[in-house]
Protein backbone atom coordinates (compact mmCIF):
# COMPACT_ATOMS: atom_id res chain seq x y z
CA MET A 1 74.59 87.21 94.52
CA ALA A 2 77.10 84.32 93.85
CA LYS A 3 77.06 82.95 90.39
CA LYS A 4 76.81 79.26 89.68
CA TYR A 5 79.77 77.78 87.78
CA ILE A 6 79.02 75.48 84.69
CA GLU A 7 82.27 73.55 84.05
CA PHE A 8 83.40 71.11 86.98
CA PRO A 9 86.80 69.91 87.81
CA PRO A 10 88.35 67.47 85.22
CA GLU A 11 86.77 63.89 85.58
CA ASP A 12 90.03 62.36 84.35
CA PHE A 13 92.07 64.41 87.00
CA GLU A 14 94.70 62.10 88.58
CA LEU A 15 97.07 63.05 91.52
CA GLU A 16 100.81 63.47 90.03
CA LEU A 17 102.90 60.66 91.50
CA ASN A 18 106.40 61.76 90.57
CA THR A 19 108.66 64.83 90.68
CA VAL A 20 108.23 65.78 87.10
CA TRP A 21 104.85 67.74 86.54
CA SER A 22 103.54 68.78 82.97
CA PHE A 23 100.24 70.19 82.02
CA PRO A 24 99.89 70.89 78.33
CA GLN A 25 96.39 72.03 78.95
CA ARG A 26 96.46 74.66 81.88
CA GLY A 27 93.07 73.90 83.06
CA ASN A 28 89.82 76.08 82.68
CA TRP A 29 87.13 74.48 84.96
CA ALA A 30 85.27 76.55 87.38
CA THR A 31 86.18 80.17 86.84
CA HIS A 32 89.65 79.56 85.92
CA ASP A 33 91.25 81.34 82.96
CA ALA A 34 94.84 82.42 81.87
CA LYS A 35 93.98 86.17 81.68
CA TYR A 36 96.16 87.02 84.80
CA ARG A 37 99.66 87.21 83.50
CA GLY A 38 102.12 84.76 85.32
CA ASN A 39 99.28 82.79 87.11
CA TRP A 40 99.87 79.13 87.74
CA SER A 41 97.98 76.34 86.30
CA PRO A 42 95.10 75.18 88.56
CA TYR A 43 96.53 71.73 88.36
CA ILE A 44 99.47 72.63 90.90
CA PRO A 45 97.40 74.03 93.74
CA ARG A 46 95.05 71.15 93.27
CA ASN A 47 97.76 68.76 93.46
CA ILE A 48 99.27 70.46 96.65
CA LEU A 49 96.11 70.92 98.46
CA LEU A 50 95.03 67.20 97.89
CA ARG A 51 98.30 65.66 98.86
CA TYR A 52 99.39 67.99 101.89
CA SER A 53 95.87 69.27 103.35
CA GLN A 54 92.55 67.86 104.62
CA GLU A 55 89.07 69.37 104.23
CA LYS A 56 88.41 72.19 106.57
CA ASP A 57 92.31 72.93 107.03
CA LEU A 58 93.27 76.47 106.78
CA VAL A 59 95.61 77.38 103.78
CA LEU A 60 97.58 80.42 103.13
CA ASP A 61 98.50 81.92 99.86
CA GLN A 62 100.41 85.18 100.52
CA PHE A 63 100.99 86.03 96.93
CA VAL A 64 97.30 85.37 95.88
CA GLY A 65 97.55 87.18 92.51
CA GLY A 66 94.90 86.06 90.09
CA GLY A 67 93.10 83.87 92.73
CA THR A 68 93.86 80.21 91.44
CA THR A 69 94.72 78.93 94.66
CA LEU A 70 91.38 80.54 96.39
CA VAL A 71 89.19 78.76 93.52
CA GLU A 72 90.62 75.37 94.16
CA ALA A 73 90.63 75.85 97.90
CA LYS A 74 86.83 76.48 97.83
CA LEU A 75 86.32 73.50 95.50
CA LEU A 76 88.28 71.17 97.64
CA ASN A 77 86.46 72.51 100.96
CA ARG A 78 89.70 74.06 102.48
CA ASN A 79 89.59 77.28 104.43
CA ILE A 80 91.95 79.97 102.81
CA ILE A 81 93.52 83.35 103.46
CA GLY A 82 94.49 85.02 100.26
CA ILE A 83 96.86 88.03 100.63
CA ASP A 84 98.30 90.47 98.08
CA VAL A 85 99.50 93.92 98.09
CA ASN A 86 97.76 94.86 94.99
CA PRO A 87 93.92 95.92 95.38
CA GLU A 88 93.44 95.13 91.82
CA SER A 89 94.44 91.54 92.32
CA LEU A 90 92.20 91.44 95.42
CA GLN A 91 89.29 92.57 93.46
CA ARG A 92 89.92 89.93 90.74
CA CYS A 93 90.33 87.05 93.47
CA LYS A 94 86.62 88.18 94.80
CA GLU A 95 85.33 87.90 91.30
CA LYS A 96 86.78 84.44 90.68
CA CYS A 97 85.51 83.20 94.06
CA ASN A 98 81.94 84.38 93.18
CA PHE A 99 80.35 80.88 92.68
CA LYS A 100 78.34 78.64 94.87
CA ILE A 101 79.44 75.18 95.87
CA GLU A 102 77.88 72.92 98.34
CA ASN A 103 80.59 73.10 101.31
CA SER A 104 81.15 75.53 104.05
CA SER A 105 84.95 76.45 103.40
CA LYS A 106 85.67 80.25 104.48
CA ILE A 107 87.53 82.16 101.91
CA THR A 108 89.38 85.28 103.43
CA ILE A 109 90.80 87.79 100.87
CA LYS A 110 92.89 90.51 102.55
CA LYS A 111 95.26 93.32 101.42
CA GLY A 112 98.62 92.52 103.10
CA ASP A 113 102.44 92.14 102.69
CA ALA A 114 103.89 88.61 102.60
CA ARG A 115 106.75 89.94 104.74
CA LYS A 116 104.45 91.16 107.62
CA LEU A 117 101.73 88.78 108.51
CA ASN A 118 101.12 90.20 111.96
CA PHE A 119 97.44 89.60 111.70
CA ILE A 120 98.27 85.81 111.47
CA GLU A 121 99.04 84.10 114.79
CA ASN A 122 102.12 81.80 115.31
CA ASP A 123 101.59 78.04 114.27
CA SER A 124 98.11 78.51 112.83
CA ILE A 125 98.42 77.56 109.18
CA ASP A 126 97.92 74.12 107.99
CA LEU A 127 99.49 74.47 104.54
CA ILE A 128 101.18 77.44 102.53
CA CYS A 129 100.52 77.22 98.88
CA THR A 130 101.92 79.95 96.79
CA HIS A 131 103.43 81.44 93.65
CA PRO A 132 105.71 84.61 94.44
CA PRO A 133 107.01 86.74 91.46
CA TYR A 134 110.42 85.94 89.93
CA THR A 135 112.12 89.21 90.76
CA ASN A 136 111.05 91.75 88.34
CA ILE A 137 110.45 89.79 85.27
CA ILE A 138 106.81 90.49 85.56
CA GLN A 139 105.87 93.72 87.33
CA TYR A 140 102.44 93.25 88.86
CA SER A 141 101.88 96.96 89.90
CA GLU A 142 102.95 100.49 88.81
CA ASN A 143 103.36 102.47 92.02
CA ILE A 144 103.11 99.98 95.17
CA LYS A 145 106.14 100.26 97.00
CA GLU A 146 105.32 96.97 98.99
CA ASP A 147 105.39 94.98 95.60
CA ILE A 148 108.39 92.92 95.42
CA SER A 149 108.10 92.34 91.68
CA HIS A 150 109.79 95.63 91.47
CA CYS A 151 112.87 94.19 93.09
CA ASP A 152 115.99 93.05 91.16
CA ILE A 153 117.79 89.98 92.14
CA LYS A 154 119.89 91.06 95.29
CA GLU A 155 116.90 93.08 96.82
CA PHE A 156 114.38 90.43 95.88
CA LEU A 157 116.37 87.62 97.76
CA GLU A 158 116.68 89.87 100.65
CA GLN A 159 112.99 90.37 100.81
CA MET A 160 112.24 86.69 100.09
CA LYS A 161 114.07 86.14 103.54
CA LEU A 162 111.42 88.08 105.24
CA VAL A 163 108.98 86.21 103.54
CA ALA A 164 110.54 82.76 104.45
CA ASN A 165 110.66 83.72 108.10
CA GLU A 166 107.08 84.77 108.29
CA SER A 167 106.00 81.50 106.38
CA CYS A 168 108.00 79.45 109.06
CA ARG A 169 106.36 81.43 111.87
CA VAL A 170 102.71 80.97 111.05
CA LEU A 171 103.02 77.42 109.69
CA LYS A 172 102.08 74.71 112.15
CA LYS A 173 104.66 72.06 113.30
CA ASP A 174 104.89 69.01 110.67
CA LYS A 175 102.88 71.00 107.99
CA PHE A 176 103.72 72.01 104.63
CA CYS A 177 104.96 74.95 102.58
CA ALA A 178 105.02 74.82 98.70
CA ILE A 179 106.46 77.47 96.81
CA LEU A 180 106.76 77.60 92.91
CA MET A 181 109.89 79.74 91.75
CA GLY A 182 111.64 79.84 88.29
CA ASP A 183 115.03 80.56 87.26
CA ILE A 184 115.88 83.78 85.37
CA ARG A 185 118.54 84.80 82.87
CA ARG A 186 120.91 87.91 82.96
CA LYS A 187 123.29 88.87 80.19
CA GLY A 188 123.36 85.44 78.64
CA HIS A 189 123.88 83.60 81.78
CA VAL A 190 121.33 81.65 84.11
CA VAL A 191 120.62 82.92 87.46
CA PRO A 192 119.54 80.04 89.80
CA LEU A 193 116.79 82.05 91.49
CA GLY A 194 114.96 78.95 92.28
CA PHE A 195 117.76 77.36 94.39
CA ASP A 196 118.46 80.67 95.88
CA VAL A 197 114.98 80.90 97.13
CA MET A 198 115.07 77.36 98.14
CA ASN A 199 118.10 77.91 100.40
CA ILE A 200 116.56 80.94 101.98
CA PHE A 201 113.39 78.87 103.08
CA VAL A 202 115.74 76.09 104.39
CA ASN A 203 117.65 78.59 106.19
CA SER A 204 114.40 79.75 107.77
CA GLY A 205 114.12 76.60 109.74
CA LEU A 206 111.91 74.60 107.07
CA LYS A 207 113.21 71.01 105.78
CA LEU A 208 113.21 70.40 102.32
CA LYS A 209 110.78 67.51 101.32
CA GLU A 210 110.48 67.71 97.45
CA ILE A 211 111.97 69.38 94.49
CA ILE A 212 109.47 68.89 91.70
CA ILE A 213 110.37 69.98 87.95
CA LYS A 214 107.34 71.75 86.47
CA GLU A 215 107.57 71.93 82.66
CA GLN A 216 106.39 75.20 80.97
CA HIS A 217 104.36 75.22 77.93
CA ASN A 218 104.42 78.70 77.12
CA CYS A 219 108.11 78.96 75.82
CA LYS A 220 107.48 78.55 72.23
CA ALA A 221 110.92 78.84 70.35
CA THR A 222 109.42 80.90 67.60
CA GLY A 223 110.24 84.66 66.39
CA TYR A 224 112.34 86.85 68.24
CA TRP A 225 113.30 84.16 70.89
CA LYS A 226 114.18 81.49 68.30
CA THR A 227 116.32 83.83 66.34
CA SER A 228 118.02 85.23 69.76
CA SER A 229 118.57 81.61 71.27
CA ILE A 230 120.61 80.63 68.02
CA LYS A 231 122.22 83.96 67.48
CA TYR A 232 123.45 84.21 71.01
CA ASN A 233 123.59 80.50 71.76
CA PHE A 234 121.43 80.11 74.84
CA LEU A 235 118.63 77.62 75.66
CA LEU A 236 115.04 78.96 76.69
CA LEU A 237 114.31 78.35 80.11
CA ALA A 238 111.14 75.71 80.07
CA HIS A 239 111.26 74.76 83.65
CA GLU A 240 110.25 76.00 86.98
CA TYR A 241 110.69 74.31 90.48
CA LEU A 242 107.99 73.40 93.10
CA PHE A 243 109.70 73.29 96.53
CA VAL A 244 107.81 71.65 99.16
CA PHE A 245 109.15 72.15 102.79
CA LYS A 246 108.14 70.88 105.98
CA LYS A 247 108.24 72.48 109.26
């Protein structure tokens, strides 16, 4: 039986109007929480869904993870397909979506691979809204071979080409694809993973509409990282990129 949720979306919510987004309070309405490592703030998919889709549109999140996008789609009366290679993630998604609300949105949660969306027809998705892993910074499974969070930089980018091609295939013409991606650091030097992924999606046939800088609030310059930052003379990465593409 579906549970009722108590906390409603924030009454003071306002749609973001510029290209720098910052959410010091990550958001804990409905069934949202921060227990799934690396999940994004619900303010992000809420903004994306409201700006780039309409009620009853069909949304895709092919790296659904902790289910944040699913919850927001259900709250905002969007139909959504949530895909992940990890059964544990899918079980969590089912639990997060287990609440009642007065609309008729359809939530589909399915085990699948973002590189092979064979069960989704060409030109059938109204919006892609997703947050892939950042190479192997966080590994989301132990022994799932399809999990690209085990890939290092070169292999990760090769796999993201397949993700981008499938994203372009399933997206309807004139519709939008929003991807959150961060940079990483290797041996003291920044690897511009965000722009590498951006170029992959552009090369797949999508047009770049927006580059949004999203500020991170979990990069505290304390303890080990503060000492290391000073000792080895590097800055802590406190930003991510939200790329919005149009087909």
